[in-house]
PDB file of N, CA and C in Angstrom:
ATOM      1  N   GLN A   1       0.798  -1.212   0.000  1.00  0.00           N
ATOM      2  CA  GLN A   1       0.000   0.000   0.000  1.00  0.00           C
ATOM      3  C   GLN A   1       0.842   1.278   0.000  1.00  0.00           C
ATOM      4  N   PRO A   2       1.848   1.412   0.811  1.00  0.00           N
ATOM      5  CA  PRO A   2       2.601   2.672   0.817  1.00  0.00           C
ATOM      6  C   PRO A   2       3.223   2.991  -0.547  1.00  0.00           C
ATOM      7  N   THR A   3       3.636   1.968  -1.250  1.00  0.00           N
ATOM      8  CA  THR A   3       4.225   2.180  -2.571  1.00  0.00           C
ATOM      9  C   THR A   3       3.203   2.793  -3.521  1.00  0.00           C
ATOM     10  N   ILE A   4       1.981   2.333  -3.428  1.00  0.00           N
ATOM     11  CA  ILE A   4       0.916   2.862  -4.265  1.00  0.00           C
ATOM     12  C   ILE A   4       0.690   4.335  -3.941  1.00  0.00           C
ATOM     13  N   ASP A   5       0.686   4.696  -2.666  1.00  0.00           N
ATOM     14  CA  ASP A   5       0.500   6.091  -2.276  1.00  0.00           C
ATOM     15  C   ASP A   5       1.623   6.962  -2.827  1.00  0.00           C
ATOM     16  N   VAL A   6       2.849   6.478  -2.720  1.00  0.00           N
ATOM     17  CA  VAL A   6       3.990   7.245  -3.233  1.00  0.00           C
ATOM     18  C   VAL A   6       3.879   7.389  -4.746  1.00  0.00           C
ATOM     19  N   ASP A   7       3.513   6.313  -5.413  1.00  0.00           N
ATOM     20  CA  ASP A   7       3.353   6.366  -6.864  1.00  0.00           C
ATOM     21  C   ASP A   7       2.236   7.330  -7.263  1.00  0.00           C
ATOM     22  N   GLU A   8       1.137   7.277  -6.534  1.00  0.00           N
ATOM     23  CA  GLU A   8       0.033   8.195  -6.825  1.00  0.00           C
ATOM     24  C   GLU A   8       0.462   9.636  -6.576  1.00  0.00           C
ATOM     25  N   GLU A   9       1.197   9.844  -5.503  1.00  0.00           N
ATOM     26  CA  GLU A   9       1.679  11.189  -5.196  1.00  0.00           C
ATOM     27  C   GLU A   9       2.653  11.664  -6.275  1.00  0.00           C
ATOM     28  N   THR A  10       3.546  10.780  -6.660  1.00  0.00           N
ATOM     29  CA  THR A  10       4.498  11.111  -7.720  1.00  0.00           C
ATOM     30  C   THR A  10       3.759  11.411  -9.021  1.00  0.00           C
ATOM     31  N   HIS A  11       2.793  10.582  -9.327  1.00  0.00           N
ATOM     32  CA  HIS A  11       1.996  10.795 -10.536  1.00  0.00           C
ATOM     33  C   HIS A  11       1.258  12.134 -10.464  1.00  0.00           C
ATOM     34  N   SER A  12       0.700  12.428  -9.313  1.00  0.00           N
ATOM     35  CA  SER A  12      -0.025  13.681  -9.130  1.00  0.00           C
ATOM     36  C   SER A  12       0.906  14.877  -9.343  1.00  0.00           C
ATOM     37  N   HIS A  13       2.114  14.807  -8.770  1.00  0.00           N
ATOM     38  CA  HIS A  13       3.083  15.894  -8.956  1.00  0.00           C
ATOM     39  C   HIS A  13       3.506  16.007 -10.419  1.00  0.00           C
ATOM     40  N   THR A  14       3.661  14.873 -11.057  1.00  0.00           N
ATOM     41  CA  THR A  14       4.046  14.873 -12.469  1.00  0.00           C
ATOM     42  C   THR A  14       2.952  15.510 -13.321  1.00  0.00           C
ATOM     43  N   VAL A  15       1.717  15.145 -13.046  1.00  0.00           N
ATOM     44  CA  VAL A  15       0.590  15.718 -13.785  1.00  0.00           C
ATOM     45  C   VAL A  15       0.518  17.219 -13.531  1.00  0.00           C
ATOM     46  N   ASP A  16       0.676  17.631 -12.272  1.00  0.00           N
ATOM     47  CA  ASP A  16       0.667  19.060 -11.948  1.00  0.00           C
ATOM     48  C   ASP A  16       1.783  19.789 -12.683  1.00  0.00           C
ATOM     49  N   TYR A  17       2.957  19.182 -12.687  1.00  0.00           N
ATOM     50  CA  TYR A  17       4.093  19.793 -13.369  1.00  0.00           C
ATOM     51  C   TYR A  17       3.826  19.894 -14.870  1.00  0.00           C
ATOM     52  N   ASP A  18       3.289  18.836 -15.448  1.00  0.00           N
ATOM     53  CA  ASP A  18       2.964  18.845 -16.875  1.00  0.00           C
ATOM     54  C   ASP A  18       1.928  19.917 -17.192  1.00  0.00           C
ATOM     55  N   ASP A  19       0.905  20.028 -16.357  1.00  0.00           N
ATOM     56  CA  ASP A  19      -0.117  21.053 -16.558  1.00  0.00           C
ATOM     57  C   ASP A  19       0.494  22.448 -16.476  1.00  0.00           C
ATOM     58  N   GLU A  20       1.335  22.648 -15.484  1.00  0.00           N
ATOM     59  CA  GLU A  20       1.985  23.948 -15.325  1.00  0.00           C
ATOM     60  C   GLU A  20       2.861  24.259 -16.540  1.00  0.00           C
ATOM     61  N   PHE A  21       3.614  23.266 -16.992  1.00  0.00           N
ATOM     62  CA  PHE A  21       4.465  23.441 -18.164  1.00  0.00           C
ATOM     63  C   PHE A  21       3.630  23.787 -19.399  1.00  0.00           C
ATOM     64  N   LEU A  22       2.546  23.050 -19.605  1.00  0.00           N
ATOM     65  CA  LEU A  22       1.681  23.314 -20.753  1.00  0.00           C
ATOM     66  C   LEU A  22       1.048  24.697 -20.675  1.00  0.00           C
ATOM     67  N   ASN A  23       0.617  25.080 -19.487  1.00  0.00           N
ATOM     68  CA  ASN A  23       0.026  26.408 -19.329  1.00  0.00           C
ATOM     69  C   ASN A  23       1.036  27.504 -19.636  1.00  0.00           C
ATOM     70  N   ARG A  24       2.264  27.338 -19.159  1.00  0.00           N
ATOM     71  CA  ARG A  24       3.311  28.321 -19.473  1.00  0.00           C
ATOM     72  C   ARG A  24       3.601  28.349 -20.968  1.00  0.00           C
ATOM     73  N   TYR A  25       3.643  27.167 -21.561  1.00  0.00           N
ATOM     74  CA  TYR A  25       3.913  27.070 -22.996  1.00  0.00           C
ATOM     75  C   TYR A  25       2.808  27.759 -23.797  1.00  0.00           C
ATOM     76  N   ILE A  26       1.577  27.526 -23.427  1.00  0.00           N
ATOM     77  CA  ILE A  26       0.442  28.161 -24.101  1.00  0.00           C
ATOM     78  C   ILE A  26       0.497  29.670 -23.915  1.00  0.00           C
ATOM     79  N   ASP A  27       0.793  30.122 -22.699  1.00  0.00           N
ATOM     80  CA  ASP A  27       0.921  31.557 -22.455  1.00  0.00           C
ATOM     81  C   ASP A  27       2.008  32.166 -23.333  1.00  0.00           C
ATOM     82  N   ARG A  28       3.119  31.462 -23.437  1.00  0.00           N
ATOM     83  CA  ARG A  28       4.231  31.951 -24.258  1.00  0.00           C
ATOM     84  C   ARG A  28       3.826  32.025 -25.729  1.00  0.00           C
ATOM     85  N   LEU A  29       3.140  31.003 -26.213  1.00  0.00           N
ATOM     86  CA  LEU A  29       2.681  31.015 -27.603  1.00  0.00           C
ATOM     87  C   LEU A  29       1.702  32.159 -27.855  1.00  0.00           C
ATOM     88  N   GLU A  30       0.802  32.374 -26.923  1.00  0.00           N
ATOM     89  CA  GLU A  30      -0.156  33.474 -27.073  1.00  0.00           C
ATOM     90  C   GLU A  30       0.564  34.813 -27.079  1.00  0.00           C
ATOM     91  N   SER A  31       1.547  34.946 -26.209  1.00  0.00           N
ATOM     92  CA  SER A  31       2.338  36.174 -26.157  1.00  0.00           C
ATOM     93  C   SER A  31       3.109  36.383 -27.460  1.00  0.00           C
ATOM     94  N   ASP A  32       3.731  35.327 -27.954  1.00  0.00           N
ATOM     95  CA  ASP A  32       4.464  35.416 -29.221  1.00  0.00           C
ATOM     96  C   ASP A  32       3.525  35.755 -30.373  1.00  0.00           C
ATOM     97  N   LEU A  33       2.371  35.141 -30.383  1.00  0.00           N
ATOM     98  CA  LEU A  33       1.396  35.410 -31.431  1.00  0.00           C
ATOM     99  C   LEU A  33       0.972  36.875 -31.410  1.00  0.00           C
ATOM    100  N   GLU A  34       0.721  37.396 -30.235  1.00  0.00           N
ATOM    101  CA  GLU A  34       0.335  38.801 -30.095  1.00  0.00           C
ATOM    102  C   GLU A  34       1.459  39.719 -30.584  1.00  0.00           C
ATOM    103  N   PHE A  35       2.697  39.382 -30.228  1.00  0.00           N
ATOM    104  CA  PHE A  35       3.863  40.153 -30.659  1.00  0.00           C
ATOM    105  C   PHE A  35       3.934  40.206 -32.184  1.00  0.00           C
ATOM    106  N   TRP A  36       3.789  39.051 -32.838  1.00  0.00           N
ATOM    107  CA  TRP A  36       3.906  39.006 -34.293  1.00  0.00           C
ATOM    108  C   TRP A  36       2.717  39.667 -34.980  1.00  0.00           C
ATOM    109  N   LYS A  37       1.549  39.590 -34.377  1.00  0.00           N
ATOM    110  CA  LYS A  37       0.398  40.305 -34.936  1.00  0.00           C
ATOM    111  C   LYS A  37       0.641  41.806 -34.897  1.00  0.00           C
ATOM    112  N   ASP A  38       1.173  42.296 -33.776  1.00  0.00           N
ATOM    113  CA  ASP A  38       1.489  43.721 -33.664  1.00  0.00           C
ATOM    114  C   ASP A  38       2.547  44.128 -34.685  1.00  0.00           C
ATOM    115  N   LYS A  39       3.587  43.307 -34.826  1.00  0.00           N
ATOM    116  CA  LYS A  39       4.645  43.596 -35.807  1.00  0.00           C
ATOM    117  C   LYS A  39       4.065  43.646 -37.217  1.00  0.00           C
ATOM    118  N   TYR A  40       3.196  42.710 -37.533  1.00  0.00           N
ATOM    119  CA  TYR A  40       2.581  42.664 -38.856  1.00  0.00           C
ATOM    120  C   TYR A  40       1.781  43.941 -39.116  1.00  0.00           C
ATOM    121  N   GLU A  41       1.026  44.387 -38.134  1.00  0.00           N
ATOM    122  CA  GLU A  41       0.230  45.602 -38.299  1.00  0.00           C
ATOM    123  C   GLU A  41       1.127  46.815 -38.515  1.00  0.00           C
ATOM    124  N   VAL A  42       2.235  46.893 -37.766  1.00  0.00           N
ATOM    125  CA  VAL A  42       3.172  48.004 -37.932  1.00  0.00           C
ATOM    126  C   VAL A  42       3.771  47.983 -39.338  1.00  0.00           C
ATOM    127  N   LEU A  43       4.210  46.812 -39.773  1.00  0.00           N
ATOM    128  CA  LEU A  43       4.791  46.699 -41.112  1.00  0.00           C
ATOM    129  C   LEU A  43       3.769  47.018 -42.198  1.00  0.00           C
ATOM    130  N   GLN A  44       2.552  46.592 -41.980  1.00  0.00           N
ATOM    131  CA  GLN A  44       1.495  46.872 -42.943  1.00  0.00           C
ATOM    132  C   GLN A  44       1.265  48.382 -43.057  1.00  0.00           C
ATOM    133  N   LEU A  45       1.251  49.083 -41.928  1.00  0.00           N
ATOM    134  CA  LEU A  45       1.077  50.535 -41.952  1.00  0.00           C
ATOM    135  C   LEU A  45       2.261  51.225 -42.613  1.00  0.00           C
ATOM    136  N   GLU A  46       3.475  50.772 -42.311  1.00  0.00           N
ATOM    137  CA  GLU A  46       4.656  51.356 -42.942  1.00  0.00           C
ATOM    138  C   GLU A  46       4.605  51.157 -44.457  1.00  0.00           C
ATOM    139  N   TYR A  47       4.227  49.968 -44.877  1.00  0.00           N
ATOM    140  CA  TYR A  47       4.123  49.683 -46.306  1.00  0.00           C
ATOM    141  C   TYR A  47       3.068  50.591 -46.943  1.00  0.00           C
ATOM    142  N   TYR A  48       1.935  50.719 -46.312  1.00  0.00           N
ATOM    143  CA  TYR A  48       0.871  51.573 -46.827  1.00  0.00           C
ATOM    144  C   TYR A  48       1.368  53.010 -46.962  1.00  0.00           C
ATOM    145  N   ASP A  49       2.063  53.512 -45.930  1.00  0.00           N
ATOM    146  CA  ASP A  49       2.587  54.878 -45.972  1.00  0.00           C
ATOM    147  C   ASP A  49       3.591  55.054 -47.107  1.00  0.00           C
ATOM    148  N   GLN A  50       4.468  54.079 -47.291  1.00  0.00           N
ATOM    149  CA  GLN A  50       5.463  54.174 -48.360  1.00  0.00           C
ATOM    150  C   GLN A  50       4.807  54.136 -49.739  1.00  0.00           C
ATOM    151  N   VAL A  51       3.826  53.282 -49.908  1.00  0.00           N
ATOM    152  CA  VAL A  51       3.119  53.210 -51.191  1.00  0.00           C
ATOM    153  C   VAL A  51       2.385  54.524 -51.453  1.00  0.00           C
ATOM    154  N   ARG A  52       1.728  55.038 -50.439  1.00  0.00           N
ATOM    155  CA  ARG A  52       1.004  56.304 -50.585  1.00  0.00           C
ATOM    156  C   ARG A  52       1.966  57.429 -50.966  1.00  0.00           C
ATOM    157  N   ASP A  53       3.134  57.493 -50.293  1.00  0.00           N
ATOM    158  CA  ASP A  53       4.121  58.524 -50.606  1.00  0.00           C
ATOM    159  C   ASP A  53       4.666  58.353 -52.022  1.00  0.00           C
ATOM    160  N   SER A  54       4.893  57.118 -52.435  1.00  0.00           N
ATOM    161  CA  SER A  54       5.376  56.862 -53.801  1.00  0.00           C
ATOM    162  C   SER A  54       4.351  57.319 -54.831  1.00  0.00           C
ATOM    163  N   ILE A  55       3.104  57.041 -54.572  1.00  0.00           N
ATOM    164  CA  ILE A  55       2.047  57.464 -55.495  1.00  0.00           C
ATOM    165  C   ILE A  55       1.989  58.983 -55.567  1.00  0.00           C
ATOM    166  N   LYS A  56       2.134  59.652 -54.428  1.00  0.00           N
ATOM    167  CA  LYS A  56       2.135  61.118 -54.434  1.00  0.00           C
ATOM    168  C   LYS A  56       3.299  61.649 -55.261  1.00  0.00           C
ATOM    169  N   ARG A  57       4.488  61.042 -55.104  1.00  0.00           N
ATOM    170  CA  ARG A  57       5.647  61.490 -55.884  1.00  0.00           C
ATOM    171  C   ARG A  57       5.423  61.256 -57.376  1.00  0.00           C
ATOM    172  N   LEU A  58       4.862  60.096 -57.724  1.00  0.00           N
ATOM    173  CA  LEU A  58       4.577  59.819 -59.134  1.00  0.00           C
ATOM    174  C   LEU A  58       3.542  60.793 -59.694  1.00  0.00           C
ATOM    175  N   ASP A  59       2.527  61.082 -58.901  1.00  0.00           N
ATOM    176  CA  ASP A  59       1.519  62.052 -59.342  1.00  0.00           C
ATOM    177  C   ASP A  59       2.149  63.418 -59.572  1.00  0.00           C
ATOM    178  N   ALA A  60       3.041  63.825 -58.670  1.00  0.00           N
ATOM    179  CA  ALA A  60       3.707  65.124 -58.808  1.00  0.00           C
ATOM    180  C   ALA A  60       4.582  65.144 -60.065  1.00  0.00           C
ATOM    181  N   LYS A  61       5.315  64.062 -60.316  1.00  0.00           N
ATOM    182  CA  LYS A  61       6.152  63.990 -61.526  1.00  0.00           C
ATOM    183  C   LYS A  61       5.284  64.031 -62.779  1.00  0.00           C
ATOM    184  N   PHE A  62       4.205  63.290 -62.770  1.00  0.00           N
ATOM    185  CA  PHE A  62       3.300  63.282 -63.916  1.00  0.00           C
ATOM    186  C   PHE A  62       2.743  64.680 -64.158  1.00  0.00           C
ATOM    187  N   GLU A  63       2.370  65.339 -63.091  1.00  0.00           N
ATOM    188  CA  GLU A  63       1.829  66.700 -63.207  1.00  0.00           C
ATOM    189  C   GLU A  63       2.873  67.645 -63.803  1.00  0.00           C
ATOM    190  N   ARG A  64       4.138  67.519 -63.369  1.00  0.00           N
ATOM    191  CA  ARG A  64       5.204  68.368 -63.925  1.00  0.00           C
ATOM    192  C   ARG A  64       5.409  68.071 -65.410  1.00  0.00           C
ATOM    193  N   ILE A  65       5.372  66.797 -65.775  1.00  0.00           N
ATOM    194  CA  ILE A  65       5.529  66.429 -67.188  1.00  0.00           C
ATOM    195  C   ILE A  65       4.392  67.012 -68.017  1.00  0.00           C
ATOM    196  N   MET A  66       3.173  66.884 -67.511  1.00  0.00           N
ATOM    197  CA  MET A  66       2.021  67.410 -68.251  1.00  0.00           C
ATOM    198  C   MET A  66       2.098  68.930 -68.378  1.00  0.00           C
ATOM    199  N   CYS A  67       2.553  69.609 -67.334  1.00  0.00           N
ATOM    200  CA  CYS A  67       2.712  71.068 -67.405  1.00  0.00           C
ATOM    201  C   CYS A  67       3.771  71.431 -68.440  1.00  0.00           C
ATOM    202  N   SER A  68       4.867  70.671 -68.466  1.00  0.00           N
ATOM    203  CA  SER A  68       5.923  70.931 -69.452  1.00  0.00           C
ATOM    204  C   SER A  68       5.396  70.727 -70.865  1.00  0.00           C
ATOM    205  N   ILE A  69       4.624  69.673 -71.079  1.00  0.00           N
ATOM    206  CA  ILE A  69       4.041  69.422 -72.401  1.00  0.00           C
ATOM    207  C   ILE A  69       3.124  70.567 -72.792  1.00  0.00           C
ATOM    208  N   ASP A  70       2.302  71.020 -71.843  1.00  0.00           N
ATOM    209  CA  ASP A  70       1.408  72.148 -72.133  1.00  0.00           C
ATOM    210  C   ASP A  70       2.200  73.401 -72.489  1.00  0.00           C
ATOM    211  N   GLU A  71       3.296  73.641 -71.764  1.00  0.00           N
ATOM    212  CA  GLU A  71       4.128  74.813 -72.065  1.00  0.00           C
ATOM    213  C   GLU A  71       4.741  74.691 -73.457  1.00  0.00           C
ATOM    214  N   PHE A  72       5.236  73.498 -73.793  1.00  0.00           N
ATOM    215  CA  PHE A  72       5.821  73.305 -75.118  1.00  0.00           C
ATOM    216  C   PHE A  72       4.762  73.453 -76.208  1.00  0.00           C
ATOM    217  N   LYS A  73       3.542  73.008 -75.912  1.00  0.00           N
ATOM    218  CA  LYS A  73       2.455  73.174 -76.883  1.00  0.00           C
ATOM    219  C   LYS A  73       2.162  74.655 -77.083  1.00  0.00           C
ATOM    220  N   ASP A  74       2.176  75.401 -75.971  1.00  0.00           N
ATOM    221  CA  ASP A  74       1.867  76.828 -76.039  1.00  0.00           C
ATOM    222  C   ASP A  74       2.883  77.583 -76.892  1.00  0.00           C
ATOM    223  N   ILE A  75       4.142  77.169 -76.828  1.00  0.00           N
ATOM    224  CA  ILE A  75       5.149  77.888 -77.619  1.00  0.00           C
ATOM    225  C   ILE A  75       5.359  77.242 -78.987  1.00  0.00           C
ATOM    226  N   GLY A  76       4.615  76.200 -79.276  1.00  0.00           N
ATOM    227  CA  GLY A  76       4.623  75.598 -80.598  1.00  0.00           C
ATOM    228  C   GLY A  76       5.713  74.583 -80.850  1.00  0.00           C
ATOM    229  N   LEU A  77       6.350  74.057 -79.799  1.00  0.00           N
ATOM    230  CA  LEU A  77       7.404  73.073 -80.010  1.00  0.00           C
ATOM    231  C   LEU A  77       6.864  71.654 -80.137  1.00  0.00           C
ATOM    232  N   ILE A  78       5.664  71.428 -79.637  1.00  0.00           N
ATOM    233  CA  ILE A  78       5.060  70.096 -79.717  1.00  0.00           C
ATOM    234  C   ILE A  78       3.704  70.240 -80.395  1.00  0.00           C
ATOM    235  N   PHE A  79       3.445  69.368 -81.329  1.00  0.00           N
ATOM    236  CA  PHE A  79       2.161  69.388 -82.033  1.00  0.00           C
ATOM    237  C   PHE A  79       1.422  68.087 -81.747  1.00  0.00           C
ATOM    238  N   PHE A  80       0.255  68.189 -81.176  1.00  0.00           N
ATOM    239  CA  PHE A  80      -0.573  67.008 -80.929  1.00  0.00           C
ATOM    240  C   PHE A  80      -1.885  67.170 -81.637  1.00  0.00           C
TER     241      PHE A  80
END
């Protein structure tokens, strides 16, 4: 009988330890997941900002080109 009690106690401690380990592991995974979700959102915003800025620069260049074409048309250097 005493051996059974010790084995049950050992088993109980092992199960408790396993549960604690799993809970910590799950907490760590959830924390890591949250970290990477936040990083993804930051990168997504940075990408959006860079694309928006690039589009603005392209629009400005296009506008300058169109103004130059209009000026050349006005002085008769370009015929369309």
